[in-house]
Amino acid sequence: MNKAISIFILLASSLVSFNAFSAFTLNGTRFIYDEGRKNISIEITNNSDKTYGGQVWVENPSDLNNVFFVPAPNLFKVSGGEKQLIRLLYVNDILPKDKESVFWLNVQEIPPVASADESNVLAVALNTQVKLIYRPKALAAAREEAEKNLTYRGSVLKNPTPYYFAITQIAINGTPLKLDKNTEQQISLLAPFSEVKLPRALSGKVSIEAIDDYGGRRTFDIQ
């Protein structure tokens, strides 16, 4: 890169400030939709001092042809420091009854138009994405501490349950197991009746750390 171009980039970066903080926060890091509910509520807080627009939608990673959840409203405007309540309605009762189903809840910020004295500020529209899990009624009672039912054989971790688990750590005799990024992603959304091959065989006292329905981290011994 020549000197002239370097100076131009330096000057350009000094003239534009980036506003990349997230204005919206949600009242949960994951949401559970229990079968039989008419709807569940999502609360969105605008932490900015400005009025923001917002859009909400639900993605189904395994079935792109059907709509299962409808947010109401799906478009909204919320003043600075205020909250917006979104209701999720379940509209297509064809999901499996013998296992949980997972979705992604998206909340997209729509920043306000910059005023004349903010013309050198670049606002970034951020998207917040969290898990939405549909839980059949027959599975609700046995969900508590279901992580204890995970098993392993050699280097294979198995989930013989109908639940999704968010595992953040696997430890052998209290020492965390070093995992590659791909394995970390797989165990962070461990699907029902699935298994994951780990980089080494498990033995001794094996424990896992997982995130529960309320966003808390809990540790479980498994066999």
Foldseek 3Di string as FASTA:
>chain_A
DDPVVVVVVVVLVVLADEDEDDQKDKPAQEAEAEPPDQKDKIKIFGQAQAKKKKAKDKAFPPDRPDDFKDKVPRIDIDHHGDMDMIIIGGDDPPDDQQAKGKMKIKMKIGDDDDDPVNPRYDYDIDIDIHMYMYHYPVCVVVPVPLVQAWADDWQKIWAQGRYWWQWQFKDAPRHTDDFDPVQNVCNRTPHHGDMDGTPGTHDHWMKIWTQDNRRDIDIYTYD
